[in-house]
Amino acid sequence: MSRFARSADLMTGLFLLALAALTFWEASDLPMGSAVRMGAGYVPRLLSFLMGGFGLAIIVLSFSGDEEPMTRWGIRPLLCVLLVPIIFALTIESLGLVVTVILCTIVAALGSRESRAVEVALLGIALALFTLALFVITLDIPMQPFPAW
């Protein structure tokens, strides 16, 4: 197997292409509309084209330069990244936005052995304050900011 076939960039590009194709196929039944009057399928199709373009660009770039071969995948980072949206979906209504964002930051940080507790705590608090300011205060989205206990 050549070094290109094991390249992390090549695998990433192929993944993006497959995800773009799946997104385009899933949105194919939705009405497209126009740029002025967008239908439900406009944004998903646009994003699938962009994702496919990025995938192609990454594939082309994977064949140039010196790439290190892809190493073994770590299961811990993969699980932590996959758990974050699940935790967010399960806790946003009961724990509120602030606690949920802090919890998701902690879980995401557990995926890396380089994370430090103080940095993760500060990042979680900063992200929680930012999302609170953006979504609840600025955009006035009706969202529970704190737990309803």
Protein backbone atom coordinates (compact mmCIF):
# COMPACT_ATOMS: atom_id res chain seq x y z
CA MET A 1 0.00 0.00 0.00
CA SER A 2 1.47 3.39 -0.93
CA ARG A 3 1.95 6.17 1.56
CA PHE A 4 -0.84 8.12 -0.17
CA ALA A 5 -3.42 5.43 0.43
CA ARG A 6 -2.71 5.63 4.15
CA SER A 7 -2.69 9.41 4.27
CA ALA A 8 -4.98 10.99 6.87
CA ASP A 9 -5.71 13.77 4.39
CA LEU A 10 -6.83 11.29 1.75
CA MET A 11 -9.13 9.57 4.23
CA THR A 12 -10.52 12.90 5.38
CA GLY A 13 -11.18 13.99 1.80
CA LEU A 14 -12.92 10.72 0.98
CA PHE A 15 -15.03 11.02 4.13
CA LEU A 16 -16.07 14.57 3.22
CA LEU A 17 -16.97 13.45 -0.31
CA ALA A 18 -19.09 10.59 1.02
CA LEU A 19 -20.79 12.86 3.55
CA ALA A 20 -21.46 15.47 0.84
CA ALA A 21 -22.99 12.83 -1.43
CA LEU A 22 -25.18 11.55 1.40
CA THR A 23 -26.30 15.08 2.29
CA PHE A 24 -27.10 15.90 -1.34
CA TRP A 25 -29.03 12.65 -1.75
CA GLU A 26 -31.02 13.20 1.46
CA ALA A 27 -31.91 16.76 0.38
CA SER A 28 -32.86 15.77 -3.16
CA ASP A 29 -36.58 15.47 -2.30
CA LEU A 30 -36.70 18.95 -0.75
CA PRO A 31 -37.74 21.94 -2.90
CA MET A 32 -34.74 23.94 -4.08
CA GLY A 33 -36.22 27.40 -4.54
CA SER A 34 -33.94 30.25 -5.62
CA ALA A 35 -31.37 32.49 -3.97
CA VAL A 36 -34.08 35.08 -3.32
CA ARG A 37 -36.75 32.62 -2.12
CA MET A 38 -34.84 29.70 -0.69
CA GLY A 39 -36.61 26.39 -0.40
CA ALA A 40 -35.93 23.80 2.28
CA GLY A 41 -33.35 22.06 0.08
CA TYR A 42 -31.32 25.13 -0.87
CA VAL A 43 -28.94 25.30 2.10
CA PRO A 44 -28.37 21.54 2.44
CA ARG A 45 -27.48 21.27 -1.24
CA LEU A 46 -25.26 24.34 -1.09
CA LEU A 47 -23.45 22.99 1.95
CA SER A 48 -23.08 19.57 0.32
CA PHE A 49 -21.41 21.20 -2.71
CA LEU A 50 -19.08 23.16 -0.45
CA MET A 51 -18.24 20.06 1.59
CA GLY A 52 -17.63 18.07 -1.60
CA GLY A 53 -15.37 20.85 -2.90
CA PHE A 54 -13.36 20.84 0.29
CA GLY A 55 -13.17 17.05 0.11
CA LEU A 56 -11.82 17.18 -3.46
CA ALA A 57 -9.31 19.87 -2.52
CA ILE A 58 -8.07 17.84 0.44
CA ILE A 59 -7.74 14.73 -1.74
CA VAL A 60 -5.69 16.65 -4.32
CA LEU A 61 -3.48 18.11 -1.62
CA SER A 62 -2.95 14.67 -0.09
CA PHE A 63 -0.98 13.65 -3.17
CA SER A 64 1.44 16.56 -2.88
CA GLY A 65 4.15 17.08 -0.31
CA ASP A 66 5.44 14.76 2.37
CA GLU A 67 2.66 13.21 4.35
CA GLU A 68 3.15 11.00 7.32
CA PRO A 69 1.25 7.75 7.07
CA MET A 70 -1.97 7.58 9.00
CA THR A 71 -1.45 6.16 12.44
CA ARG A 72 -3.84 4.15 14.54
CA TRP A 73 -7.03 5.98 15.47
CA GLY A 74 -7.51 6.80 19.11
CA ILE A 75 -10.85 5.59 20.37
CA ARG A 76 -10.96 8.04 23.28
CA PRO A 77 -10.95 11.27 21.20
CA LEU A 78 -13.45 9.77 18.77
CA LEU A 79 -15.86 8.77 21.54
CA CYS A 80 -15.58 12.12 23.31
CA VAL A 81 -16.31 14.08 20.14
CA LEU A 82 -19.26 11.84 19.31
CA LEU A 83 -20.63 12.08 22.86
CA VAL A 84 -20.73 15.89 22.98
CA PRO A 85 -23.77 16.45 20.69
CA ILE A 86 -25.58 13.56 22.38
CA ILE A 87 -24.93 15.03 25.82
CA PHE A 88 -25.99 18.45 24.55
CA ALA A 89 -29.27 17.10 23.19
CA LEU A 90 -30.03 15.16 26.37
CA THR A 91 -29.18 17.92 28.86
CA ILE A 92 -30.03 21.28 27.26
CA GLU A 93 -33.63 21.31 28.51
CA SER A 94 -33.02 19.98 32.01
CA LEU A 95 -29.67 21.63 32.86
CA GLY A 96 -29.97 24.82 30.85
CA LEU A 97 -27.56 26.38 28.37
CA VAL A 98 -24.77 27.43 30.76
CA VAL A 99 -24.34 24.10 32.57
CA THR A 100 -24.74 22.14 29.32
CA VAL A 101 -22.03 24.11 27.53
CA ILE A 102 -19.64 23.68 30.46
CA LEU A 103 -20.40 19.94 30.61
CA CYS A 104 -19.87 19.55 26.84
CA THR A 105 -16.56 21.42 27.06
CA ILE A 106 -15.36 19.07 29.80
CA VAL A 107 -16.38 15.95 27.86
CA ALA A 108 -14.69 17.24 24.68
CA ALA A 109 -11.52 18.01 26.63
CA LEU A 110 -11.41 14.47 28.00
CA GLY A 111 -10.57 13.35 24.46
CA SER A 112 -7.09 14.82 24.75
CA ARG A 113 -4.43 13.81 27.23
CA GLU A 114 -2.98 17.32 26.93
CA SER A 115 -5.99 19.04 28.52
CA ARG A 116 -5.44 20.76 31.83
CA ALA A 117 -8.25 21.14 34.36
CA VAL A 118 -7.81 24.89 34.91
CA GLU A 119 -7.72 25.63 31.17
CA VAL A 120 -10.77 23.45 30.52
CA ALA A 121 -12.70 25.12 33.36
CA LEU A 122 -11.84 28.61 32.10
CA LEU A 123 -12.70 27.66 28.53
CA GLY A 124 -16.01 26.13 29.62
CA ILE A 125 -16.97 29.24 31.59
CA ALA A 126 -15.93 31.53 28.72
CA LEU A 127 -17.89 29.50 26.17
CA ALA A 128 -20.93 29.38 28.45
CA LEU A 129 -20.87 33.16 28.93
CA PHE A 130 -20.39 33.71 25.20
CA THR A 131 -23.30 31.43 24.23
CA LEU A 132 -25.46 33.02 26.92
CA ALA A 133 -24.67 36.50 25.63
CA LEU A 134 -25.13 35.51 21.99
CA PHE A 135 -28.22 33.32 22.03
CA VAL A 136 -30.20 34.40 25.07
CA ILE A 137 -29.33 38.08 25.41
CA THR A 138 -28.42 39.28 21.91
CA LEU A 139 -30.58 37.05 19.68
CA ASP A 140 -33.32 36.76 22.32
CA ILE A 141 -33.81 33.05 21.68
CA PRO A 142 -36.25 31.62 24.23
CA MET A 143 -33.86 29.22 25.89
CA GLN A 144 -33.49 28.24 29.52
CA PRO A 145 -30.09 29.60 30.59
CA PHE A 146 -29.86 27.80 33.96
CA PRO A 147 -31.27 24.61 35.51
CA ALA A 148 -34.93 24.80 36.51
CA TRP A 149 -34.48 22.99 39.81
